[in-house]
Protein backbone atom coordinates (compact mmCIF):
# COMPACT_ATOMS: atom_id res chain seq x y z
CA MET A 1 137.07 -14.56 184.38
CA SER A 2 138.56 -13.73 180.97
CA GLY A 3 142.16 -13.24 179.96
CA LEU A 4 145.21 -14.90 181.45
CA TRP A 5 145.68 -15.63 185.13
CA PHE A 6 147.59 -17.91 187.45
CA ALA A 7 145.86 -20.08 190.03
CA GLU A 8 147.43 -21.87 193.02
CA ALA A 9 146.59 -25.55 192.89
CA GLU A 10 144.46 -25.96 196.03
CA THR A 11 141.29 -27.85 195.02
CA LEU A 12 140.29 -31.13 193.55
CA GLU A 13 139.41 -29.29 190.38
CA HIS A 14 142.90 -27.88 190.13
CA PHE A 15 144.54 -31.20 190.87
CA SER A 16 142.34 -32.93 188.36
CA ALA A 17 143.21 -30.31 185.62
CA MET A 18 146.88 -30.67 186.31
CA SER A 19 146.63 -34.48 186.20
CA LEU A 20 144.81 -34.35 182.80
CA ILE A 21 147.38 -31.96 181.36
CA HIS A 22 150.15 -34.35 182.54
CA ALA A 23 148.46 -37.43 181.02
CA LEU A 24 147.88 -35.63 177.72
CA GLY A 25 151.50 -34.49 177.75
CA TRP A 26 152.74 -38.00 178.32
CA ARG A 27 150.51 -39.46 175.59
CA THR A 28 151.64 -36.93 173.00
CA THR A 29 155.32 -36.52 173.97
CA TYR A 30 156.62 -39.84 175.23
CA THR A 31 155.19 -42.30 172.65
CA ASP A 32 158.68 -43.20 171.40
CA ALA A 33 160.30 -43.30 174.86
CA VAL A 34 157.78 -45.15 176.95
CA PRO A 35 156.31 -48.61 176.10
CA ALA A 36 152.72 -48.53 174.80
CA ASP A 37 151.50 -51.12 177.33
CA PHE A 38 152.77 -48.98 180.13
CA MET A 39 151.03 -45.92 178.65
CA ALA A 40 147.72 -47.77 178.16
CA GLU A 41 147.66 -49.24 181.63
CA HIS A 42 149.16 -46.48 183.78
CA ILE A 43 148.81 -43.07 182.12
CA THR A 44 145.27 -42.26 183.09
CA ASP A 45 143.68 -38.85 183.28
CA ASP A 46 143.55 -39.08 187.05
CA ARG A 47 146.97 -40.71 187.66
CA TRP A 48 148.58 -37.67 189.40
CA ILE A 49 145.65 -36.29 191.35
CA SER A 50 146.75 -37.88 194.69
CA PHE A 51 150.32 -36.83 194.07
CA PHE A 52 149.28 -33.12 193.72
CA GLN A 53 146.83 -33.41 196.70
CA ASP A 54 149.51 -35.02 198.88
CA GLY A 55 152.10 -32.39 197.91
CA TYR A 56 149.68 -29.59 198.67
CA THR A 57 148.61 -31.12 202.00
CA SER A 58 152.14 -31.96 203.16
CA GLY A 59 153.71 -28.82 201.86
CA ALA A 60 156.25 -30.86 199.85
CA CYS A 61 155.43 -29.05 196.67
CA LYS A 62 153.17 -26.47 195.25
CA GLY A 63 151.19 -26.46 192.07
CA ILE A 64 150.28 -23.65 189.72
CA LEU A 65 148.05 -23.46 186.68
CA LEU A 66 147.89 -20.82 183.92
CA TYR A 67 144.38 -20.22 182.72
CA ASN A 68 143.27 -18.53 179.50
CA ASP A 69 139.58 -17.50 179.50
CA GLY A 70 138.77 -20.08 182.12
CA ILE A 71 140.59 -22.99 180.44
CA PRO A 72 143.78 -24.44 182.12
CA VAL A 73 146.46 -24.28 179.44
CA CYS A 74 149.56 -25.30 181.42
CA CYS A 75 150.72 -26.25 184.85
CA ALA A 76 153.70 -26.90 187.01
CA SER A 77 154.65 -28.22 190.42
CA TYR A 78 157.64 -26.97 192.35
CA GLY A 79 159.28 -26.94 195.75
CA PRO A 80 162.48 -28.02 197.52
CA ALA A 81 164.65 -30.51 195.73
CA ARG A 82 163.47 -34.11 196.23
CA ILE A 83 166.10 -36.20 197.95
CA GLY A 84 165.93 -39.93 198.72
CA PRO A 85 162.80 -42.11 198.29
CA SER A 86 159.78 -40.42 196.85
CA ALA A 87 156.43 -41.39 195.36
CA GLN A 88 156.06 -39.91 191.86
CA GLY A 89 152.71 -40.35 190.20
CA GLY A 90 152.25 -43.92 191.41
CA ALA A 91 155.97 -44.99 191.03
CA SER A 92 158.56 -45.22 193.85
CA CYS A 93 161.70 -43.34 193.00
CA GLU A 94 165.04 -42.88 194.70
CA PHE A 95 166.39 -39.33 194.05
CA HIS A 96 170.20 -39.22 194.31
CA SER A 97 170.38 -35.50 194.70
CA GLU A 98 172.02 -34.89 198.08
CA GLN A 99 174.39 -32.26 196.60
CA TYR A 100 171.19 -30.25 195.60
CA LYS A 101 169.64 -30.21 199.08
CA ASP A 102 169.32 -26.48 199.29
CA TRP A 103 168.04 -26.10 195.74
CA GLY A 104 164.52 -25.61 194.43
CA GLU A 105 163.13 -28.10 191.91
CA ILE A 106 160.55 -27.75 189.20
CA ILE A 107 159.03 -31.14 189.73
CA SER A 108 156.73 -31.12 186.75
CA PHE A 109 155.97 -28.77 183.92
CA TYR A 110 153.46 -29.45 181.11
CA THR A 111 151.44 -27.45 178.57
CA HIS A 112 148.16 -28.86 177.26
CA PRO A 113 148.95 -30.25 173.71
CA HIS A 114 146.18 -28.11 172.17
CA HIS A 115 147.77 -24.98 173.63
CA LYS A 116 151.46 -25.38 172.74
CA GLY A 117 153.37 -22.78 170.74
CA ARG A 118 151.41 -19.84 172.11
CA GLY A 119 153.98 -18.64 174.78
CA TYR A 120 152.04 -20.03 177.77
CA GLY A 121 154.95 -22.20 178.81
CA SER A 122 157.30 -19.25 178.84
CA MET A 123 154.88 -17.26 180.96
CA LEU A 124 154.47 -20.08 183.45
CA MET A 125 158.17 -20.64 183.64
CA LYS A 126 158.84 -16.98 184.48
CA GLU A 127 156.24 -17.18 187.23
CA VAL A 128 157.62 -20.47 188.70
CA LEU A 129 161.17 -19.08 188.74
CA HIS A 130 159.93 -15.98 190.43
CA ARG A 131 158.12 -18.06 193.03
CA LEU A 132 161.11 -20.31 193.73
CA LYS A 133 163.32 -17.16 194.17
CA THR A 134 160.77 -15.57 196.45
CA ALA A 135 160.73 -18.77 198.52
CA GLY A 136 164.45 -18.26 199.14
CA PHE A 137 166.11 -20.49 196.60
CA SER A 138 169.08 -19.17 194.75
CA ARG A 139 169.36 -22.14 192.35
CA CYS A 140 166.94 -24.66 190.89
CA TYR A 141 166.79 -27.61 188.61
CA VAL A 142 164.36 -29.56 186.43
CA LEU A 143 164.62 -33.17 185.45
CA VAL A 144 163.72 -33.83 181.75
CA LEU A 145 163.40 -37.10 179.88
CA ARG A 146 166.54 -37.67 177.85
CA GLU A 147 164.53 -38.31 174.66
CA ASN A 148 162.39 -35.17 175.04
CA THR A 149 164.42 -32.87 172.84
CA GLY A 150 161.61 -30.32 172.58
CA ALA A 151 161.53 -29.84 176.36
CA ARG A 152 165.32 -29.77 176.57
CA LYS A 153 165.41 -26.95 174.02
CA PHE A 154 162.66 -25.09 175.89
CA TYR A 155 164.55 -25.32 179.20
CA GLU A 156 167.78 -24.09 177.48
CA ARG A 157 165.88 -21.14 176.13
CA CYS A 158 164.77 -20.42 179.73
CA GLY A 159 168.35 -20.31 180.93
CA PHE A 160 168.79 -23.96 182.07
CA LEU A 161 171.82 -26.04 181.23
CA TRP A 162 172.39 -29.79 181.63
CA ASP A 163 174.89 -30.29 184.41
CA GLY A 164 175.94 -33.79 183.27
CA THR A 165 173.99 -35.62 185.92
CA HIS A 166 170.83 -37.74 185.64
CA GLU A 167 168.25 -39.72 187.61
CA THR A 168 167.11 -43.17 186.65
CA ILE A 169 163.32 -43.51 187.21
CA PRO A 170 161.83 -46.99 187.34
CA PHE A 171 158.25 -47.63 186.32
CA PRO A 172 156.20 -50.81 186.07
CA HIS A 173 156.67 -53.24 183.12
CA ASN A 174 160.48 -52.80 183.48
CA THR A 175 160.23 -49.34 182.04
CA ILE A 176 163.25 -47.21 182.93
CA CYS A 177 163.32 -43.47 182.17
CA VAL A 178 166.52 -41.48 182.29
CA ASP A 179 165.92 -37.91 183.31
CA LEU A 180 168.65 -35.36 182.75
CA ARG A 181 169.16 -32.59 185.35
CA TYR A 182 169.01 -29.11 183.88
CA ILE A 183 170.15 -26.40 186.37
CA ARG A 184 169.78 -22.70 186.63
CA ILE A 185 170.68 -19.80 188.91
CA LEU A 186 167.70 -17.75 190.03
């Protein structure tokens, strides 16, 4: 296939491509926010495969990829807002989001580092927001690492605003990430 198209993440090939894009995104974006020893030990190309497979199998979240001429250039996972304990790419998290129980959530959103700045992220965001609205959500949010100013600006351009709340995400090696909640009406 040539040109641009979206694919539902349903196969091991899809989950592997999404995991790789996530790992590359972490390695190029979070170098100043996440300790190097954690990155070297835990951010592997296959780290998120089981997360995406489990989400697909259980129906807890859906994944989508944008392809350009057969190459996956960006991906996202989305679904109902996560509330309470949850496994997130190998980490156990507690999401304190009870007040968002009827909301949709963009759980992850990454563009392959070699394909940034070409408008793919905007195309994917438009599609994900459409899918969340079609699924019956009237509002959604995305959690974004506090230090990730590039992503924060991108989400603001897409109509999201920080609502003043955050989630604290613990990782191994005493790594704590603070994710800010950006909200939007669909």
